[in-house]
C-alpha atoms as a PDB file:
ATOM      1  CA  UNK A   1     -87.453  26.783 -67.425  1.00  0.00           C
ATOM      2  CA  UNK A   2     -85.821  27.500 -64.094  1.00  0.00           C
ATOM      3  CA  UNK A   3     -82.040  27.681 -63.971  1.00  0.00           C
ATOM      4  CA  UNK A   4     -80.662  25.500 -61.176  1.00  0.00           C
ATOM      5  CA  UNK A   5     -77.149  25.827 -59.817  1.00  0.00           C
ATOM      6  CA  UNK A   6     -75.206  25.926 -56.560  1.00  0.00           C
ATOM      7  CA  UNK A   7     -72.470  28.224 -55.349  1.00  0.00           C
ATOM      8  CA  UNK A   8     -69.452  26.541 -53.753  1.00  0.00           C
ATOM      9  CA  UNK A   9     -65.900  27.403 -52.769  1.00  0.00           C
ATOM     10  CA  UNK A  10     -63.651  25.046 -54.742  1.00  0.00           C
ATOM     11  CA  UNK A  11     -59.869  24.958 -54.202  1.00  0.00           C
ATOM     12  CA  UNK A  12     -58.077  26.313 -57.254  1.00  0.00           C
ATOM     13  CA  UNK A  13     -55.791  23.278 -57.472  1.00  0.00           C
ATOM     14  CA  UNK A  14     -58.880  21.155 -58.210  1.00  0.00           C
ATOM     15  CA  UNK A  15     -59.925  23.279 -61.204  1.00  0.00           C
ATOM     16  CA  UNK A  16     -58.434  22.603 -64.612  1.00  0.00           C
ATOM     17  CA  UNK A  17     -58.818  24.917 -67.615  1.00  0.00           C
ATOM     18  CA  UNK A  18     -61.102  23.482 -70.253  1.00  0.00           C
ATOM     19  CA  UNK A  19     -60.750  23.560 -73.987  1.00  0.00           C
ATOM     20  CA  UNK A  20     -62.944  25.927 -75.933  1.00  0.00           C
ATOM     21  CA  UNK A  21     -66.548  25.097 -75.238  1.00  0.00           C
ATOM     22  CA  UNK A  22     -69.491  25.446 -77.564  1.00  0.00           C
ATOM     23  CA  UNK A  23     -71.706  28.287 -76.310  1.00  0.00           C
ATOM     24  CA  UNK A  24     -75.113  26.782 -75.616  1.00  0.00           C
ATOM     25  CA  UNK A  25     -78.293  28.316 -74.229  1.00  0.00           C
ATOM     26  CA  UNK A  26     -77.436  26.796 -70.831  1.00  0.00           C
ATOM     27  CA  UNK A  27     -73.998  28.467 -70.810  1.00  0.00           C
ATOM     28  CA  UNK A  28     -75.582  31.799 -71.786  1.00  0.00           C
ATOM     29  CA  UNK A  29     -78.024  31.485 -68.875  1.00  0.00           C
ATOM     30  CA  UNK A  30     -75.223  30.591 -66.453  1.00  0.00           C
ATOM     31  CA  UNK A  31     -73.185  33.598 -67.621  1.00  0.00           C
ATOM     32  CA  UNK A  32     -76.186  35.866 -67.107  1.00  0.00           C
ATOM     33  CA  UNK A  33     -76.703  34.464 -63.589  1.00  0.00           C
ATOM     34  CA  UNK A  34     -72.993  34.897 -62.790  1.00  0.00           C
ATOM     35  CA  UNK A  35     -73.122  38.542 -63.880  1.00  0.00           C
ATOM     36  CA  UNK A  36     -76.171  39.126 -61.679  1.00  0.00           C
ATOM     37  CA  UNK A  37     -74.485  37.487 -58.702  1.00  0.00           C
ATOM     38  CA  UNK A  38     -71.464  39.784 -58.873  1.00  0.00           C
ATOM     39  CA  UNK A  39     -73.538  42.374 -57.026  1.00  0.00           C
ATOM     40  CA  UNK A  40     -75.445  40.442 -54.387  1.00  0.00           C
ATOM     41  CA  UNK A  41     -77.739  42.250 -52.013  1.00  0.00           C
ATOM     42  CA  UNK A  42     -77.467  41.132 -48.383  1.00  0.00           C
ATOM     43  CA  UNK A  43     -80.836  40.818 -46.662  1.00  0.00           C
ATOM     44  CA  UNK A  44     -82.437  39.242 -43.637  1.00  0.00           C
ATOM     45  CA  UNK A  45     -86.014  38.146 -43.202  1.00  0.00           C
ATOM     46  CA  UNK A  46     -88.265  40.809 -41.789  1.00  0.00           C
ATOM     47  CA  UNK A  47     -90.520  40.144 -38.857  1.00  0.00           C
ATOM     48  CA  UNK A  48     -93.380  41.101 -41.143  1.00  0.00           C
ATOM     49  CA  UNK A  49     -94.635  38.161 -43.168  1.00  0.00           C
ATOM     50  CA  UNK A  50     -92.931  37.736 -46.519  1.00  0.00           C
ATOM     51  CA  UNK A  51     -90.639  40.747 -46.277  1.00  0.00           C
ATOM     52  CA  UNK A  52     -86.899  41.308 -46.167  1.00  0.00           C
ATOM     53  CA  UNK A  53     -84.665  44.033 -44.728  1.00  0.00           C
ATOM     54  CA  UNK A  54     -81.730  45.238 -46.825  1.00  0.00           C
ATOM     55  CA  UNK A  55     -78.453  45.021 -44.863  1.00  0.00           C
ATOM     56  CA  UNK A  56     -75.966  45.794 -47.627  1.00  0.00           C
ATOM     57  CA  UNK A  57     -76.123  46.761 -51.284  1.00  0.00           C
ATOM     58  CA  UNK A  58     -78.154  49.965 -51.107  1.00  0.00           C
ATOM     59  CA  UNK A  59     -76.669  51.383 -54.301  1.00  0.00           C
ATOM     60  CA  UNK A  60     -77.373  48.179 -56.257  1.00  0.00           C
ATOM     61  CA  UNK A  61     -80.936  48.138 -54.891  1.00  0.00           C
ATOM     62  CA  UNK A  62     -81.535  51.753 -55.913  1.00  0.00           C
ATOM     63  CA  UNK A  63     -80.073  51.135 -59.363  1.00  0.00           C
ATOM     64  CA  UNK A  64     -82.272  48.071 -59.929  1.00  0.00           C
ATOM     65  CA  UNK A  65     -85.398  49.915 -58.791  1.00  0.00           C
ATOM     66  CA  UNK A  66     -84.799  53.136 -60.734  1.00  0.00           C
ATOM     67  CA  UNK A  67     -82.989  52.071 -63.901  1.00  0.00           C
ATOM     68  CA  UNK A  68     -84.072  48.535 -64.763  1.00  0.00           C
ATOM     69  CA  UNK A  69     -87.279  46.623 -65.277  1.00  0.00           C
ATOM     70  CA  UNK A  70     -86.101  43.676 -63.176  1.00  0.00           C
ATOM     71  CA  UNK A  71     -88.587  42.367 -60.652  1.00  0.00           C
ATOM     72  CA  UNK A  72     -86.130  40.235 -58.648  1.00  0.00           C
ATOM     73  CA  UNK A  73     -82.525  40.499 -57.477  1.00  0.00           C
ATOM     74  CA  UNK A  74     -79.962  37.906 -56.346  1.00  0.00           C
ATOM     75  CA  UNK A  75     -79.649  38.121 -52.565  1.00  0.00           C
ATOM     76  CA  UNK A  76     -77.517  36.594 -49.850  1.00  0.00           C
ATOM     77  CA  UNK A  77     -80.047  35.921 -47.079  1.00  0.00           C
ATOM     78  CA  UNK A  78     -78.824  36.081 -43.474  1.00  0.00           C
ATOM     79  CA  UNK A  79     -80.798  33.276 -41.867  1.00  0.00           C
ATOM     80  CA  UNK A  80     -79.353  33.585 -38.379  1.00  0.00           C
ATOM     81  CA  UNK A  81     -81.677  34.229 -35.482  1.00  0.00           C
ATOM     82  CA  UNK A  82     -79.537  36.866 -33.856  1.00  0.00           C
ATOM     83  CA  UNK A  83     -81.229  40.124 -33.044  1.00  0.00           C
ATOM     84  CA  UNK A  84     -78.104  42.240 -33.146  1.00  0.00           C
ATOM     85  CA  UNK A  85     -78.663  42.910 -36.835  1.00  0.00           C
ATOM     86  CA  UNK A  86     -75.931  44.144 -39.137  1.00  0.00           C
ATOM     87  CA  UNK A  87     -73.293  44.443 -36.391  1.00  0.00           C
ATOM     88  CA  UNK A  88     -73.631  40.722 -35.743  1.00  0.00           C
ATOM     89  CA  UNK A  89     -73.366  39.926 -39.455  1.00  0.00           C
ATOM     90  CA  UNK A  90     -70.213  42.021 -39.829  1.00  0.00           C
ATOM     91  CA  UNK A  91     -68.588  40.415 -36.773  1.00  0.00           C
ATOM     92  CA  UNK A  92     -69.383  36.921 -38.007  1.00  0.00           C
ATOM     93  CA  UNK A  93     -67.943  37.699 -41.443  1.00  0.00           C
ATOM     94  CA  UNK A  94     -64.726  39.019 -39.868  1.00  0.00           C
ATOM     95  CA  UNK A  95     -64.283  35.923 -37.706  1.00  0.00           C
ATOM     96  CA  UNK A  96     -65.011  33.448 -40.490  1.00  0.00           C
ATOM     97  CA  UNK A  97     -61.999  32.574 -42.565  1.00  0.00           C
ATOM     98  CA  UNK A  98     -63.065  32.181 -46.139  1.00  0.00           C
ATOM     99  CA  UNK A  99     -60.903  29.913 -48.340  1.00  0.00           C
ATOM    100  CA  UNK A 100     -59.270  31.782 -51.217  1.00  0.00           C
END
């Protein structure tokens, strides 16, 4: 079974606390995915077929490779076509105002 979900910014005034919820297998899987996503790697597609270049998250990458048996990691993929690389990504993140 593949866990499907989306990540969205939702204004806090639109979120209401729920009553206690029965812990189901689905909720356990969502919690596990949320814990994984707390340490996203930032990558961009490599010019070589099927590869990716790590832009941020070197320590998480090293930890996953050396100390876990995981074969995949949650990644934020920079899909822009700019060639400036990480400097461009950092500048775009500074300019973008993220809703908090």
